[in-house]
Amino acid sequence: MKTSKRALEALKGSIVKWNKIITGAGVDTGPDNCPLCMLYFPACDKCPICIETDEMCCDLTPYVAWEGHLKGRYPRNVFDSKSLRLARAERDWLEALYKKLVRRNKQKARGK
């Protein structure tokens, strides 16, 4: 299945969100400031993350560890070395997914 341009743009927006969190210029407010969630929530089954993991609500991504470490802290931000590591892990996971989906789209466009 080809990933839509709109979904790829939302995924890029999510990467930008995590870059801001990593640098201290942003916070995580869950689905309220996630471009993918703003596009798909609560119909997560159409989200590229859900399609990739076959799980809802970013389960099976580094987000679960991030959320667990911040235990009720809101808004969620980087406050120690572990939260920084976890935020980077989420950003890196999203970047890897973005590259994979772009590569898959290119292959489909070439008829492979």
N, C-alpha and C. Protein backbone atom coordinates (compact mmCIF):
# COMPACT_ATOMS: atom_id res chain seq x y z
N MET A 1 0.84 -1.18 0.00
CA MET A 1 0.00 0.00 0.00
C MET A 1 0.88 1.25 0.00
N LYS A 2 0.58 2.16 -0.88
CA LYS A 2 1.34 3.40 -0.96
C LYS A 2 0.89 4.36 0.15
N THR A 3 1.85 5.00 0.78
CA THR A 3 1.56 5.99 1.83
C THR A 3 1.27 7.33 1.17
N SER A 4 0.19 7.96 1.56
CA SER A 4 -0.22 9.23 0.95
C SER A 4 0.77 10.35 1.29
N LYS A 5 0.79 11.34 0.43
CA LYS A 5 1.62 12.53 0.66
C LYS A 5 1.21 13.20 1.97
N ARG A 6 -0.08 13.24 2.23
CA ARG A 6 -0.60 13.85 3.46
C ARG A 6 -0.08 13.12 4.71
N ALA A 7 -0.07 11.79 4.65
CA ALA A 7 0.44 11.00 5.78
C ALA A 7 1.94 11.22 5.97
N LEU A 8 2.69 11.28 4.87
CA LEU A 8 4.13 11.52 4.96
C LEU A 8 4.42 12.90 5.53
N GLU A 9 3.63 13.90 5.14
CA GLU A 9 3.82 15.25 5.70
C GLU A 9 3.53 15.27 7.20
N ALA A 10 2.49 14.56 7.62
CA ALA A 10 2.17 14.48 9.05
C ALA A 10 3.28 13.76 9.81
N LEU A 11 3.84 12.73 9.20
CA LEU A 11 4.95 12.01 9.83
C LEU A 11 6.16 12.93 9.96
N LYS A 12 6.45 13.71 8.92
CA LYS A 12 7.54 14.70 9.01
C LYS A 12 7.25 15.70 10.12
N GLY A 13 6.00 16.12 10.25
CA GLY A 13 5.63 17.03 11.32
C GLY A 13 5.86 16.42 12.69
N SER A 14 5.61 15.14 12.83
CA SER A 14 5.87 14.45 14.10
C SER A 14 7.36 14.41 14.41
N ILE A 15 8.17 14.24 13.39
CA ILE A 15 9.63 14.26 13.58
C ILE A 15 10.06 15.64 14.04
N VAL A 16 9.51 16.68 13.45
CA VAL A 16 9.81 18.05 13.87
C VAL A 16 9.41 18.25 15.34
N LYS A 17 8.24 17.75 15.71
CA LYS A 17 7.79 17.84 17.11
C LYS A 17 8.83 17.24 18.04
N TRP A 18 9.33 16.05 17.71
CA TRP A 18 10.30 15.39 18.60
C TRP A 18 11.65 16.09 18.59
N ASN A 19 12.03 16.67 17.46
CA ASN A 19 13.26 17.47 17.45
C ASN A 19 13.13 18.65 18.41
N LYS A 20 11.97 19.28 18.43
CA LYS A 20 11.74 20.40 19.35
C LYS A 20 11.77 19.92 20.81
N ILE A 21 11.19 18.78 21.08
CA ILE A 21 11.21 18.23 22.45
C ILE A 21 12.66 17.98 22.87
N ILE A 22 13.44 17.40 21.98
CA ILE A 22 14.85 17.08 22.27
C ILE A 22 15.65 18.34 22.58
N THR A 23 15.38 19.43 21.86
CA THR A 23 16.15 20.66 22.07
C THR A 23 15.61 21.53 23.20
N GLY A 24 14.47 21.11 23.78
CA GLY A 24 13.87 21.89 24.85
C GLY A 24 12.93 22.97 24.36
N ALA A 25 12.70 23.02 23.06
CA ALA A 25 11.82 24.05 22.49
C ALA A 25 10.38 23.57 22.36
N GLY A 26 10.11 22.33 22.76
CA GLY A 26 8.77 21.80 22.63
C GLY A 26 8.43 20.82 23.73
N VAL A 27 7.18 20.46 23.81
CA VAL A 27 6.68 19.48 24.78
C VAL A 27 5.78 18.49 24.05
N ASP A 28 5.52 17.39 24.72
CA ASP A 28 4.61 16.38 24.20
C ASP A 28 3.29 16.48 24.96
N THR A 29 2.23 16.76 24.25
CA THR A 29 0.90 16.75 24.87
C THR A 29 0.07 15.63 24.26
N GLY A 30 0.75 14.54 23.90
CA GLY A 30 0.06 13.38 23.36
C GLY A 30 -0.60 13.69 22.03
N PRO A 31 -1.83 13.19 21.83
CA PRO A 31 -2.49 13.40 20.54
C PRO A 31 -2.82 14.86 20.25
N ASP A 32 -2.79 15.71 21.27
CA ASP A 32 -3.13 17.11 21.05
C ASP A 32 -2.10 17.87 20.22
N ASN A 33 -0.85 17.41 20.21
CA ASN A 33 0.14 18.11 19.38
C ASN A 33 0.95 17.16 18.50
N CYS A 34 0.36 16.04 18.18
CA CYS A 34 0.97 15.10 17.24
C CYS A 34 0.30 15.26 15.89
N PRO A 35 1.04 15.66 14.86
CA PRO A 35 0.43 15.82 13.55
C PRO A 35 -0.25 14.55 13.02
N LEU A 36 0.31 13.39 13.32
CA LEU A 36 -0.33 12.15 12.89
C LEU A 36 -1.65 11.93 13.63
N CYS A 37 -1.64 12.15 14.94
CA CYS A 37 -2.87 12.00 15.71
C CYS A 37 -3.92 13.01 15.27
N MET A 38 -3.50 14.23 14.97
CA MET A 38 -4.45 15.25 14.52
C MET A 38 -5.11 14.83 13.21
N LEU A 39 -4.40 14.06 12.43
CA LEU A 39 -4.93 13.60 11.14
C LEU A 39 -5.78 12.33 11.30
N TYR A 40 -5.38 11.43 12.19
CA TYR A 40 -6.02 10.11 12.25
C TYR A 40 -6.79 9.80 13.53
N PHE A 41 -6.45 10.37 14.66
CA PHE A 41 -7.07 9.99 15.93
C PHE A 41 -8.54 10.36 15.94
N PRO A 42 -9.46 9.53 16.36
CA PRO A 42 -9.26 8.23 17.00
C PRO A 42 -9.23 7.05 16.05
N ALA A 43 -9.25 7.28 14.74
CA ALA A 43 -9.20 6.18 13.77
C ALA A 43 -7.75 5.79 13.48
N CYS A 44 -7.06 5.36 14.52
CA CYS A 44 -5.63 5.09 14.42
C CYS A 44 -5.27 4.00 13.42
N ASP A 45 -6.22 3.16 13.06
CA ASP A 45 -5.91 2.07 12.15
C ASP A 45 -5.48 2.57 10.77
N LYS A 46 -5.71 3.83 10.48
CA LYS A 46 -5.28 4.42 9.21
C LYS A 46 -3.92 5.13 9.32
N CYS A 47 -3.42 5.29 10.54
CA CYS A 47 -2.15 5.96 10.79
C CYS A 47 -1.00 5.08 10.31
N PRO A 48 0.01 5.67 9.67
CA PRO A 48 1.15 4.87 9.21
C PRO A 48 1.87 4.12 10.34
N ILE A 49 1.85 4.67 11.55
CA ILE A 49 2.48 3.96 12.67
C ILE A 49 1.69 2.70 13.00
N CYS A 50 0.38 2.82 13.05
CA CYS A 50 -0.47 1.66 13.33
C CYS A 50 -0.35 0.62 12.21
N ILE A 51 -0.33 1.08 10.99
CA ILE A 51 -0.19 0.16 9.86
C ILE A 51 1.14 -0.58 9.96
N GLU A 52 2.19 0.13 10.33
CA GLU A 52 3.52 -0.49 10.44
C GLU A 52 3.60 -1.48 11.59
N THR A 53 3.06 -1.11 12.75
CA THR A 53 3.21 -1.95 13.95
C THR A 53 2.05 -2.91 14.16
N ASP A 54 0.93 -2.66 13.49
CA ASP A 54 -0.30 -3.41 13.70
C ASP A 54 -0.80 -3.29 15.13
N GLU A 55 -0.53 -2.14 15.75
CA GLU A 55 -0.96 -1.83 17.11
C GLU A 55 -1.54 -0.42 17.13
N MET A 56 -2.38 -0.14 18.11
CA MET A 56 -3.01 1.16 18.24
C MET A 56 -2.19 2.08 19.15
N CYS A 57 -2.38 3.37 19.01
CA CYS A 57 -1.85 4.38 19.94
C CYS A 57 -0.34 4.31 20.16
N CYS A 58 0.41 4.08 19.14
CA CYS A 58 1.88 4.06 19.20
C CYS A 58 2.45 2.95 20.08
N ASP A 59 1.63 1.94 20.37
CA ASP A 59 2.17 0.76 21.05
C ASP A 59 3.23 0.15 20.13
N LEU A 60 4.21 -0.47 20.70
CA LEU A 60 5.36 -1.07 20.00
C LEU A 60 6.28 -0.03 19.37
N THR A 61 6.23 1.20 19.88
CA THR A 61 7.20 2.23 19.48
C THR A 61 7.90 2.71 20.76
N PRO A 62 8.97 3.45 20.64
CA PRO A 62 9.63 4.00 21.84
C PRO A 62 8.76 4.94 22.65
N TYR A 63 7.64 5.37 22.09
CA TYR A 63 6.76 6.28 22.82
C TYR A 63 6.26 5.66 24.13
N VAL A 64 6.06 4.37 24.14
CA VAL A 64 5.56 3.69 25.34
C VAL A 64 6.54 3.87 26.50
N ALA A 65 7.84 3.71 26.23
CA ALA A 65 8.85 3.90 27.28
C ALA A 65 8.92 5.35 27.71
N TRP A 66 8.83 6.27 26.76
CA TRP A 66 8.82 7.72 27.05
C TRP A 66 7.67 8.04 28.00
N GLU A 67 6.49 7.61 27.64
CA GLU A 67 5.30 7.89 28.43
C GLU A 67 5.41 7.25 29.82
N GLY A 68 5.93 6.04 29.87
CA GLY A 68 6.10 5.37 31.15
C GLY A 68 7.09 6.07 32.06
N HIS A 69 8.16 6.57 31.50
CA HIS A 69 9.18 7.26 32.29
C HIS A 69 8.66 8.58 32.86
N LEU A 70 7.79 9.24 32.13
CA LEU A 70 7.29 10.54 32.57
C LEU A 70 6.08 10.44 33.51
N LYS A 71 5.56 9.27 33.73
CA LYS A 71 4.53 8.95 34.73
C LYS A 71 3.66 10.13 35.19
N GLY A 72 2.76 10.56 34.37
CA GLY A 72 1.82 11.60 34.77
C GLY A 72 2.34 13.02 34.65
N ARG A 73 3.59 13.20 34.30
CA ARG A 73 4.14 14.55 34.10
C ARG A 73 3.46 15.16 32.88
N TYR A 74 2.96 16.38 33.00
CA TYR A 74 2.24 16.98 31.89
C TYR A 74 2.41 18.49 31.89
N PRO A 75 2.73 19.13 30.81
CA PRO A 75 3.09 18.48 29.56
C PRO A 75 4.42 17.76 29.69
N ARG A 76 4.62 16.81 28.82
CA ARG A 76 5.83 15.99 28.89
C ARG A 76 6.98 16.68 28.18
N ASN A 77 8.10 16.77 28.89
CA ASN A 77 9.29 17.40 28.31
C ASN A 77 10.53 16.66 28.78
N VAL A 78 11.65 16.98 28.17
CA VAL A 78 12.93 16.39 28.57
C VAL A 78 13.35 17.05 29.88
N PHE A 79 13.60 16.22 30.90
CA PHE A 79 14.00 16.75 32.20
C PHE A 79 15.20 16.03 32.80
N ASP A 80 15.66 14.97 32.18
CA ASP A 80 16.84 14.26 32.65
C ASP A 80 17.45 13.49 31.48
N SER A 81 18.58 12.83 31.73
CA SER A 81 19.28 12.14 30.63
C SER A 81 18.44 11.00 30.06
N LYS A 82 17.67 10.32 30.89
CA LYS A 82 16.85 9.22 30.39
C LYS A 82 15.73 9.74 29.50
N SER A 83 15.07 10.83 29.90
CA SER A 83 14.00 11.36 29.05
C SER A 83 14.58 11.86 27.72
N LEU A 84 15.79 12.40 27.74
CA LEU A 84 16.44 12.82 26.50
C LEU A 84 16.70 11.62 25.61
N ARG A 85 17.22 10.55 26.19
CA ARG A 85 17.48 9.33 25.42
C ARG A 85 16.19 8.77 24.83
N LEU A 86 15.13 8.76 25.62
CA LEU A 86 13.85 8.23 25.15
C LEU A 86 13.23 9.10 24.06
N ALA A 87 13.36 10.41 24.19
CA ALA A 87 12.85 11.32 23.15
C ALA A 87 13.62 11.11 21.85
N ARG A 88 14.93 10.94 21.95
CA ARG A 88 15.73 10.66 20.75
C ARG A 88 15.34 9.33 20.11
N ALA A 89 15.05 8.35 20.95
CA ALA A 89 14.65 7.04 20.42
C ALA A 89 13.34 7.14 19.64
N GLU A 90 12.39 7.91 20.16
CA GLU A 90 11.12 8.10 19.44
C GLU A 90 11.36 8.83 18.12
N ARG A 91 12.12 9.90 18.16
CA ARG A 91 12.43 10.64 16.93
C ARG A 91 13.13 9.75 15.91
N ASP A 92 14.11 8.97 16.37
CA ASP A 92 14.85 8.09 15.46
C ASP A 92 13.94 7.03 14.86
N TRP A 93 13.03 6.51 15.66
CA TRP A 93 12.09 5.50 15.17
C TRP A 93 11.20 6.10 14.07
N LEU A 94 10.71 7.31 14.33
CA LEU A 94 9.87 7.99 13.34
C LEU A 94 10.64 8.29 12.05
N GLU A 95 11.90 8.72 12.20
CA GLU A 95 12.73 8.99 11.01
C GLU A 95 12.94 7.72 10.19
N ALA A 96 13.20 6.61 10.87
CA ALA A 96 13.40 5.34 10.17
C ALA A 96 12.12 4.92 9.44
N LEU A 97 10.98 5.12 10.08
CA LEU A 97 9.70 4.80 9.44
C LEU A 97 9.49 5.69 8.21
N TYR A 98 9.77 6.97 8.35
CA TYR A 98 9.61 7.90 7.23
C TYR A 98 10.45 7.44 6.03
N LYS A 99 11.71 7.14 6.28
CA LYS A 99 12.60 6.70 5.19
C LYS A 99 12.09 5.40 4.55
N LYS A 100 11.62 4.49 5.38
CA LYS A 100 11.09 3.22 4.88
C LYS A 100 9.87 3.44 3.99
N LEU A 101 8.97 4.31 4.42
CA LEU A 101 7.75 4.57 3.64
C LEU A 101 8.04 5.29 2.33
N VAL A 102 8.97 6.24 2.37
CA VAL A 102 9.36 6.95 1.14
C VAL A 102 9.99 5.96 0.16
N ARG A 103 10.86 5.10 0.67
CA ARG A 103 11.51 4.09 -0.16
C ARG A 103 10.45 3.15 -0.77
N ARG A 104 9.49 2.73 0.04
CA ARG A 104 8.42 1.84 -0.42
C ARG A 104 7.58 2.53 -1.51
N ASN A 105 7.28 3.82 -1.30
CA ASN A 105 6.51 4.56 -2.31
C ASN A 105 7.28 4.62 -3.64
N LYS A 106 8.58 4.85 -3.56
CA LYS A 106 9.40 4.92 -4.78
C LYS A 106 9.40 3.57 -5.50
N GLN A 107 9.50 2.50 -4.75
CA GLN A 107 9.47 1.17 -5.35
C GLN A 107 8.13 0.90 -6.03
N LYS A 108 7.05 1.29 -5.38
CA LYS A 108 5.73 1.08 -5.96
C LYS A 108 5.55 1.93 -7.23
N ALA A 109 6.10 3.15 -7.22
CA ALA A 109 6.00 4.02 -8.39
C ALA A 109 6.76 3.42 -9.58
N ARG A 110 7.83 2.67 -9.27
CA ARG A 110 8.61 2.02 -10.35
C ARG A 110 8.01 0.67 -10.73
N GLY A 111 6.95 0.27 -10.04
CA GLY A 111 6.28 -0.97 -10.38
C GLY A 111 6.89 -2.21 -9.77
N LYS A 112 7.67 -2.05 -8.70
CA LYS A 112 8.29 -3.22 -8.07
C LYS A 112 7.42 -3.79 -6.99
